[in-house]
């Protein structure tokens, strides 16, 4: 009897795991994803900085995105997909590296620095960027890292997501939430 119960429990856990691994269902009120000036946020448990690289450890599996006017939109994209598309498209970050602000906690205090990012490499939950300092303050190692990445305009980014089946839907707050199609 115990083996039957354990077997059923293992099957249930496996089924839940498979269900959770699938992409979320597309909402009934979905519409095609529009081009926009997307800004991005990546968060991580900690960051280690040396003279050439910023290493985000415990990076979240999704990169948050948002736009400003004319229509404010929010969204999320898989971090591996964000890194993959870094060098694709005529308006890509490889040709025109983005500015970013790195915000971390160092000895219990918030510390920020403005940098230019290049050459992302994702391995598991560790994301490494090369960087160049753009502010008076050099980035520092710390915890609770947030990386705010400057915009990427729609013709290079947004339509490609739309062509891949990207979609948006209106949430209860009235704004659009978007998800790229990869």
Protein backbone atom coordinates (compact mmCIF):
# COMPACT_ATOMS: atom_id res chain seq x y z
CA UNK A 1 0.00 0.00 0.00
CA UNK A 2 2.84 2.41 0.86
CA UNK A 3 4.50 1.79 -2.50
CA UNK A 4 1.22 2.66 -4.30
CA UNK A 5 0.89 5.90 -2.31
CA UNK A 6 4.55 6.82 -2.91
CA UNK A 7 4.19 6.01 -6.60
CA UNK A 8 1.09 8.20 -6.89
CA UNK A 9 2.83 11.01 -5.02
CA UNK A 10 5.87 10.82 -7.33
CA UNK A 11 3.60 10.84 -10.40
CA UNK A 12 1.72 13.89 -9.06
CA UNK A 13 4.95 15.80 -8.35
CA UNK A 14 6.21 14.94 -11.84
CA UNK A 15 2.97 16.11 -13.48
CA UNK A 16 3.05 19.40 -11.58
CA UNK A 17 6.68 19.91 -12.60
CA UNK A 18 5.88 19.34 -16.28
CA UNK A 19 2.88 21.68 -16.09
CA UNK A 20 4.95 24.41 -14.46
CA UNK A 21 7.71 24.04 -17.08
CA UNK A 22 5.30 24.84 -19.92
CA UNK A 23 4.81 28.40 -21.12
CA UNK A 24 1.87 30.25 -19.57
CA UNK A 25 -1.34 30.16 -21.57
CA UNK A 26 -1.91 33.05 -23.95
CA UNK A 27 -4.71 35.26 -22.56
CA UNK A 28 -7.96 35.44 -24.52
CA UNK A 29 -7.64 39.21 -24.93
CA UNK A 30 -4.09 39.03 -26.38
CA UNK A 31 -2.98 41.34 -29.17
CA UNK A 32 0.18 41.48 -31.29
CA UNK A 33 3.19 42.96 -29.52
CA UNK A 34 3.85 46.54 -30.68
CA UNK A 35 7.25 48.15 -31.32
CA UNK A 36 8.41 50.26 -28.39
CA UNK A 37 11.44 51.75 -26.68
CA UNK A 38 11.98 48.91 -24.20
CA UNK A 39 14.02 49.36 -21.02
CA UNK A 40 15.15 46.29 -19.10
CA UNK A 41 15.81 45.27 -15.51
CA UNK A 42 17.83 42.26 -14.41
CA UNK A 43 18.06 41.31 -10.74
CA UNK A 44 20.49 38.99 -8.99
CA UNK A 45 21.36 37.85 -5.49
CA UNK A 46 24.85 39.35 -5.72
CA UNK A 47 27.35 40.94 -8.05
CA UNK A 48 31.13 40.68 -8.24
CA UNK A 49 33.00 43.40 -10.09
CA UNK A 50 36.59 43.46 -11.33
CA UNK A 51 38.35 45.87 -13.72
CA UNK A 52 36.70 44.37 -16.83
CA UNK A 53 33.60 42.39 -15.85
CA UNK A 54 30.40 42.56 -13.87
CA UNK A 55 29.32 39.08 -12.73
CA UNK A 56 25.69 38.76 -11.62
CA UNK A 57 25.22 35.63 -9.50
CA UNK A 58 21.79 34.16 -8.84
CA UNK A 59 20.34 36.04 -11.84
CA UNK A 60 16.56 35.86 -12.12
CA UNK A 61 15.30 33.60 -14.92
CA UNK A 62 13.31 36.47 -16.42
CA UNK A 63 14.41 39.92 -17.56
CA UNK A 64 11.78 42.53 -16.80
CA UNK A 65 10.98 45.10 -19.46
CA UNK A 66 8.95 48.26 -19.64
CA UNK A 67 8.31 51.14 -21.99
CA UNK A 68 7.38 54.75 -21.60
CA UNK A 69 5.22 56.86 -23.84
CA UNK A 70 3.12 56.82 -25.91
CA UNK A 71 1.65 53.69 -24.34
CA UNK A 72 3.21 52.44 -21.16
CA UNK A 73 3.77 48.71 -21.39
CA UNK A 74 5.37 46.15 -19.08
CA UNK A 75 6.64 42.70 -19.83
CA UNK A 76 8.99 39.88 -19.07
CA UNK A 77 11.32 37.81 -21.22
CA UNK A 78 13.42 34.74 -20.46
CA UNK A 79 16.92 35.92 -19.54
CA UNK A 80 18.53 33.32 -21.86
CA UNK A 81 16.45 34.74 -24.74
CA UNK A 82 17.50 38.29 -23.86
CA UNK A 83 21.17 37.26 -24.02
CA UNK A 84 20.62 35.29 -27.25
CA UNK A 85 19.11 38.27 -29.07
CA UNK A 86 21.85 40.64 -27.84
CA UNK A 87 23.70 40.46 -31.18
CA UNK A 88 20.76 40.10 -33.58
CA UNK A 89 18.92 42.79 -35.51
CA UNK A 90 20.08 46.01 -37.13
CA UNK A 91 19.51 48.02 -33.95
CA UNK A 92 21.28 45.56 -31.68
CA UNK A 93 23.26 46.16 -28.52
CA UNK A 94 26.40 44.65 -30.08
CA UNK A 95 26.66 47.58 -32.51
CA UNK A 96 25.39 50.20 -30.07
CA UNK A 97 26.13 49.04 -26.49
CA UNK A 98 23.57 50.16 -23.93
CA UNK A 99 24.15 52.31 -20.89
CA UNK A 100 23.07 50.75 -17.61
CA UNK A 101 22.91 51.62 -13.95
CA UNK A 102 24.09 48.97 -11.51
CA UNK A 103 22.51 49.34 -8.07
CA UNK A 104 23.81 47.14 -5.22
CA UNK A 105 23.93 47.00 -1.46
CA UNK A 106 27.44 47.36 0.00
CA UNK A 107 27.85 47.16 3.78
CA UNK A 108 24.13 47.88 4.21
CA UNK A 109 24.17 51.00 2.00
CA UNK A 110 22.93 51.50 -1.58
CA UNK A 111 25.64 52.11 -4.18
CA UNK A 112 25.09 52.93 -7.86
CA UNK A 113 27.31 53.32 -10.92
CA UNK A 114 26.61 54.02 -14.59
CA UNK A 115 28.32 51.74 -17.11
CA UNK A 116 28.24 50.67 -20.74
CA UNK A 117 27.62 46.93 -21.20
CA UNK A 118 29.03 44.53 -23.80
CA UNK A 119 29.49 40.82 -24.42
CA UNK A 120 26.97 39.08 -22.13
CA UNK A 121 27.67 35.43 -21.29
CA UNK A 122 25.08 33.40 -19.38
CA UNK A 123 26.10 30.16 -17.66
CA UNK A 124 23.38 28.67 -15.47
CA UNK A 125 22.31 31.45 -13.10
CA UNK A 126 25.48 33.51 -13.59
CA UNK A 127 25.51 36.36 -16.12
CA UNK A 128 28.78 38.13 -16.97
CA UNK A 129 29.06 41.44 -18.84
CA UNK A 130 32.13 43.35 -19.92
CA UNK A 131 31.75 46.99 -18.94
CA UNK A 132 33.14 50.50 -19.29
CA UNK A 133 32.59 53.07 -16.52
CA UNK A 134 30.53 56.11 -17.59
CA UNK A 135 30.17 57.85 -14.22
CA UNK A 136 32.50 59.14 -11.55
CA UNK A 137 31.64 56.14 -9.39
CA UNK A 138 33.09 52.75 -10.27
CA UNK A 139 30.73 49.75 -9.85
CA UNK A 140 31.22 47.75 -6.67
CA UNK A 141 30.66 44.17 -5.59
CA UNK A 142 27.66 43.67 -3.32
CA UNK A 143 24.32 42.00 -2.75
CA UNK A 144 20.76 42.62 -3.97
CA UNK A 145 21.93 43.66 -7.43
CA UNK A 146 19.65 45.43 -9.90
CA UNK A 147 20.85 46.28 -13.40
CA UNK A 148 18.73 48.88 -15.23
CA UNK A 149 19.53 48.65 -18.95
CA UNK A 150 18.85 51.53 -21.34
CA UNK A 151 16.31 51.27 -24.12
CA UNK A 152 16.32 49.24 -27.26
CA UNK A 153 14.06 50.64 -29.96
CA UNK A 154 11.25 48.59 -31.44
CA UNK A 155 12.26 48.23 -35.11
CA UNK A 156 15.36 46.37 -34.00
CA UNK A 157 13.72 44.59 -31.08
CA UNK A 158 9.95 44.84 -30.77
CA UNK A 159 8.82 43.64 -34.20
CA UNK A 160 11.23 40.72 -34.10
CA UNK A 161 9.50 39.63 -30.90
CA UNK A 162 6.15 40.17 -32.57
CA UNK A 163 7.23 38.14 -35.61
CA UNK A 164 8.10 35.33 -33.25
CA UNK A 165 4.59 35.30 -31.83
CA UNK A 166 5.08 37.98 -29.16
CA UNK A 167 1.85 39.22 -27.64
CA UNK A 168 0.42 41.64 -25.10
CA UNK A 169 -2.75 41.71 -23.06
CA UNK A 170 -4.55 44.27 -20.95
CA UNK A 171 -4.42 43.57 -17.26
CA UNK A 172 -6.83 44.76 -14.58
CA UNK A 173 -4.83 47.99 -14.23
CA UNK A 174 -5.58 48.84 -17.90
CA UNK A 175 -1.98 48.77 -19.15
CA UNK A 176 -0.45 46.29 -21.56
CA UNK A 177 1.73 43.43 -20.33
CA UNK A 178 3.83 41.81 -23.05
CA UNK A 179 5.72 38.59 -23.56
CA UNK A 180 8.10 37.90 -26.48
CA UNK A 181 7.38 34.89 -28.63
CA UNK A 182 10.44 32.78 -27.87
